[in-house]
N, C-alpha and C. Protein backbone atom coordinates (compact mmCIF):
# COMPACT_ATOMS: atom_id res chain seq x y z
N UNK A 1 103.09 80.71 86.61
CA UNK A 1 104.08 79.77 87.07
C UNK A 1 103.78 78.43 86.42
N UNK A 2 104.78 77.88 85.83
CA UNK A 2 104.63 76.64 85.08
C UNK A 2 105.37 75.51 85.78
N UNK A 3 104.67 74.40 86.06
CA UNK A 3 105.35 73.24 86.65
C UNK A 3 106.43 72.71 85.69
N UNK A 4 107.49 72.17 86.27
CA UNK A 4 108.58 71.61 85.46
C UNK A 4 108.06 70.45 84.63
N UNK A 5 107.30 69.56 85.26
CA UNK A 5 106.67 68.45 84.54
C UNK A 5 105.58 67.88 85.43
N UNK A 6 104.86 66.92 84.94
CA UNK A 6 103.73 66.35 85.70
C UNK A 6 104.17 65.57 86.93
N UNK A 7 105.41 65.11 86.97
CA UNK A 7 105.92 64.36 88.13
C UNK A 7 106.40 65.28 89.25
N UNK A 8 106.59 66.56 88.94
CA UNK A 8 107.07 67.54 89.92
C UNK A 8 106.20 68.79 89.86
N UNK A 9 104.93 68.69 90.21
CA UNK A 9 104.02 69.83 90.06
C UNK A 9 104.33 71.01 90.97
N UNK A 10 105.08 70.79 92.05
CA UNK A 10 105.40 71.90 92.96
C UNK A 10 106.71 72.58 92.62
N UNK A 11 107.45 72.07 91.66
CA UNK A 11 108.66 72.72 91.18
C UNK A 11 108.27 73.51 89.94
N UNK A 12 108.42 74.83 90.03
CA UNK A 12 107.89 75.69 88.97
C UNK A 12 108.95 76.65 88.43
N UNK A 13 108.70 77.12 87.24
CA UNK A 13 109.47 78.19 86.63
C UNK A 13 108.52 79.38 86.49
N UNK A 14 109.03 80.56 86.69
CA UNK A 14 108.22 81.77 86.61
C UNK A 14 108.32 82.32 85.20
N UNK A 15 107.21 82.29 84.50
CA UNK A 15 107.16 82.76 83.12
C UNK A 15 106.24 83.97 83.05
N UNK A 16 106.64 84.94 82.27
CA UNK A 16 105.81 86.13 82.02
C UNK A 16 105.80 86.31 80.52
N UNK A 17 104.75 85.81 79.86
CA UNK A 17 104.76 85.74 78.41
C UNK A 17 105.87 84.79 77.99
N UNK A 18 106.69 85.19 77.03
CA UNK A 18 107.78 84.31 76.59
C UNK A 18 109.03 84.41 77.46
N UNK A 19 109.03 85.31 78.44
CA UNK A 19 110.23 85.51 79.26
C UNK A 19 110.25 84.61 80.48
N UNK A 20 111.39 83.97 80.71
CA UNK A 20 111.57 83.21 81.94
C UNK A 20 112.25 84.13 82.95
N UNK A 21 111.66 84.21 84.14
CA UNK A 21 112.23 85.00 85.22
C UNK A 21 112.94 84.08 86.19
N UNK A 22 114.04 84.56 86.75
CA UNK A 22 114.80 83.79 87.71
C UNK A 22 114.80 84.53 89.04
N UNK A 23 115.05 83.82 90.11
CA UNK A 23 115.06 84.41 91.44
C UNK A 23 116.49 84.70 91.87
N UNK A 24 116.67 85.87 92.47
CA UNK A 24 117.98 86.21 93.00
C UNK A 24 118.19 85.60 94.38
N UNK A 25 117.18 84.96 94.91
CA UNK A 25 117.26 84.31 96.22
C UNK A 25 116.83 82.85 96.07
N UNK A 26 117.77 81.93 95.95
CA UNK A 26 117.41 80.53 95.70
C UNK A 26 116.76 79.81 96.87
N UNK A 27 116.69 80.43 98.04
CA UNK A 27 116.17 79.74 99.22
C UNK A 27 114.70 80.02 99.50
N UNK A 28 114.05 80.79 98.66
CA UNK A 28 112.65 81.11 98.94
C UNK A 28 111.76 79.92 98.60
N UNK A 29 110.63 79.87 99.26
CA UNK A 29 109.57 78.92 98.95
C UNK A 29 108.34 79.75 98.60
N UNK A 30 107.70 79.41 97.52
CA UNK A 30 106.54 80.17 97.07
C UNK A 30 105.26 79.59 97.65
N UNK A 31 104.44 80.42 98.30
CA UNK A 31 103.15 79.92 98.75
C UNK A 31 102.30 79.52 97.54
N UNK A 32 101.47 78.53 97.71
CA UNK A 32 100.64 78.05 96.61
C UNK A 32 99.69 79.12 96.10
N UNK A 33 99.34 80.10 96.94
CA UNK A 33 98.35 81.10 96.55
C UNK A 33 98.94 82.24 95.71
N UNK A 34 100.25 82.41 95.70
CA UNK A 34 100.83 83.52 94.92
C UNK A 34 100.78 83.21 93.44
N UNK A 35 100.29 84.17 92.69
CA UNK A 35 100.22 84.02 91.25
C UNK A 35 100.98 85.17 90.60
N UNK A 36 101.21 85.06 89.35
CA UNK A 36 102.00 86.03 88.61
C UNK A 36 101.44 87.44 88.68
N UNK A 37 100.14 87.60 88.75
CA UNK A 37 99.56 88.95 88.76
C UNK A 37 99.91 89.73 90.02
N UNK A 38 100.46 89.08 91.03
CA UNK A 38 100.85 89.77 92.26
C UNK A 38 102.28 90.32 92.18
N UNK A 39 102.97 90.09 91.09
CA UNK A 39 104.31 90.64 90.93
C UNK A 39 104.24 92.16 90.91
N UNK A 40 105.12 92.82 91.62
CA UNK A 40 105.17 94.28 91.58
C UNK A 40 106.58 94.73 91.22
N UNK A 41 106.66 95.80 90.42
CA UNK A 41 107.99 96.29 90.05
C UNK A 41 108.78 96.72 91.28
N UNK A 42 110.06 96.49 91.24
CA UNK A 42 110.94 96.93 92.33
C UNK A 42 111.28 98.39 92.04
N UNK A 43 110.90 99.31 92.93
CA UNK A 43 111.06 100.73 92.64
C UNK A 43 112.51 101.21 92.50
N UNK A 44 113.42 100.65 93.27
CA UNK A 44 114.81 101.12 93.21
C UNK A 44 115.70 99.97 92.79
N UNK A 45 115.44 99.46 91.61
CA UNK A 45 116.25 98.35 91.11
C UNK A 45 117.20 98.87 90.05
N UNK A 46 118.32 98.19 89.92
CA UNK A 46 119.27 98.61 88.89
C UNK A 46 118.74 98.33 87.49
N UNK A 47 117.73 97.50 87.42
CA UNK A 47 117.12 97.19 86.14
C UNK A 47 115.61 97.29 86.31
N UNK A 48 114.95 97.97 85.41
CA UNK A 48 113.50 98.19 85.55
C UNK A 48 112.68 96.93 85.33
N UNK A 49 113.30 95.85 84.89
CA UNK A 49 112.57 94.60 84.68
C UNK A 49 112.55 93.71 85.91
N UNK A 50 113.05 94.19 87.02
CA UNK A 50 113.03 93.40 88.26
C UNK A 50 111.67 93.52 88.92
N UNK A 51 111.21 92.40 89.49
CA UNK A 51 109.93 92.36 90.20
C UNK A 51 110.12 91.65 91.53
N UNK A 52 109.13 91.79 92.39
CA UNK A 52 109.11 91.02 93.62
C UNK A 52 107.69 90.54 93.88
N UNK A 53 107.59 89.45 94.61
CA UNK A 53 106.29 88.96 95.08
C UNK A 53 106.15 89.44 96.51
N UNK A 54 105.25 90.39 96.76
CA UNK A 54 105.11 90.92 98.13
C UNK A 54 104.79 89.82 99.12
N UNK A 55 105.42 89.90 100.28
CA UNK A 55 105.15 88.95 101.35
C UNK A 55 105.94 87.67 101.27
N UNK A 56 106.68 87.44 100.19
CA UNK A 56 107.48 86.23 100.06
C UNK A 56 108.90 86.56 100.46
N UNK A 57 109.37 85.90 101.52
CA UNK A 57 110.73 86.15 102.02
C UNK A 57 111.37 84.84 102.46
N UNK A 58 112.67 84.87 102.49
CA UNK A 58 113.42 83.77 103.07
C UNK A 58 114.35 84.41 104.10
N UNK A 59 114.17 84.10 105.33
CA UNK A 59 114.85 84.76 106.44
C UNK A 59 114.61 86.26 106.30
N UNK A 60 115.64 87.05 106.03
CA UNK A 60 115.46 88.50 105.89
C UNK A 60 115.52 88.97 104.45
N UNK A 61 115.59 88.06 103.51
CA UNK A 61 115.74 88.45 102.12
C UNK A 61 114.39 88.48 101.40
N UNK A 62 114.23 89.46 100.54
CA UNK A 62 113.02 89.53 99.73
C UNK A 62 113.15 88.63 98.51
N UNK A 63 112.02 88.35 97.89
CA UNK A 63 111.99 87.51 96.70
C UNK A 63 112.01 88.41 95.47
N UNK A 64 113.19 88.60 94.88
CA UNK A 64 113.32 89.39 93.67
C UNK A 64 113.41 88.47 92.46
N UNK A 65 112.80 88.90 91.37
CA UNK A 65 112.81 88.14 90.13
C UNK A 65 113.27 89.05 88.99
N UNK A 66 114.08 88.50 88.10
CA UNK A 66 114.58 89.26 86.96
C UNK A 66 114.52 88.38 85.72
N UNK A 67 114.40 88.97 84.53
CA UNK A 67 114.44 88.16 83.32
C UNK A 67 115.79 87.45 83.21
N UNK A 68 115.76 86.23 82.76
CA UNK A 68 116.98 85.44 82.65
C UNK A 68 118.06 86.15 81.82
N UNK A 69 117.63 86.82 80.75
CA UNK A 69 118.61 87.45 79.86
C UNK A 69 119.35 88.63 80.51
N UNK A 70 118.85 89.14 81.65
CA UNK A 70 119.52 90.28 82.30
C UNK A 70 120.55 89.84 83.34
N UNK A 71 120.62 88.55 83.65
CA UNK A 71 121.56 88.07 84.67
C UNK A 71 122.98 88.29 84.19
N UNK A 72 123.79 88.86 85.08
CA UNK A 72 125.20 89.05 84.75
C UNK A 72 126.05 88.36 85.81
N UNK A 73 126.36 89.03 86.89
CA UNK A 73 127.20 88.45 87.94
C UNK A 73 126.40 87.97 89.14
N UNK A 74 125.07 88.10 89.08
CA UNK A 74 124.24 87.72 90.22
C UNK A 74 124.13 86.20 90.33
N UNK A 75 123.95 85.74 91.56
CA UNK A 75 123.57 84.34 91.78
C UNK A 75 122.08 84.26 91.55
N UNK A 76 121.61 83.15 91.01
CA UNK A 76 120.18 83.02 90.73
C UNK A 76 119.78 81.56 90.71
N UNK A 77 118.47 81.35 90.71
CA UNK A 77 117.93 80.02 90.51
C UNK A 77 116.78 80.11 89.52
N UNK A 78 116.65 79.08 88.71
CA UNK A 78 115.60 79.06 87.70
C UNK A 78 114.32 78.42 88.22
N UNK A 79 114.46 77.35 89.00
CA UNK A 79 113.29 76.63 89.48
C UNK A 79 113.04 76.90 90.95
N UNK A 80 111.78 77.04 91.31
CA UNK A 80 111.38 77.36 92.67
C UNK A 80 110.40 76.31 93.16
N UNK A 81 110.35 76.15 94.47
CA UNK A 81 109.42 75.20 95.09
C UNK A 81 108.21 75.94 95.63
N UNK A 82 107.03 75.39 95.36
CA UNK A 82 105.80 75.90 95.94
C UNK A 82 105.49 75.06 97.18
N UNK A 83 104.94 75.71 98.18
CA UNK A 83 104.56 74.99 99.41
C UNK A 83 103.26 74.25 99.22
């Protein structure tokens, strides 16, 4: 997870190598302890490049992440807030 800039260290983008991942749930807040290695593949996703961070939820929604280039009609957010 990469901070947007030095003035906003808690606003991050999720990067996996050169790929930027976006969240399908813009209301999630990421705990400071979650790191990229905790991403797990979503077993029944329409795209095999979807991941989730276990234990991260907003209300009843899970935190799903997909590569930016795969977004089609989904709503998404690029930047996330860490607690």
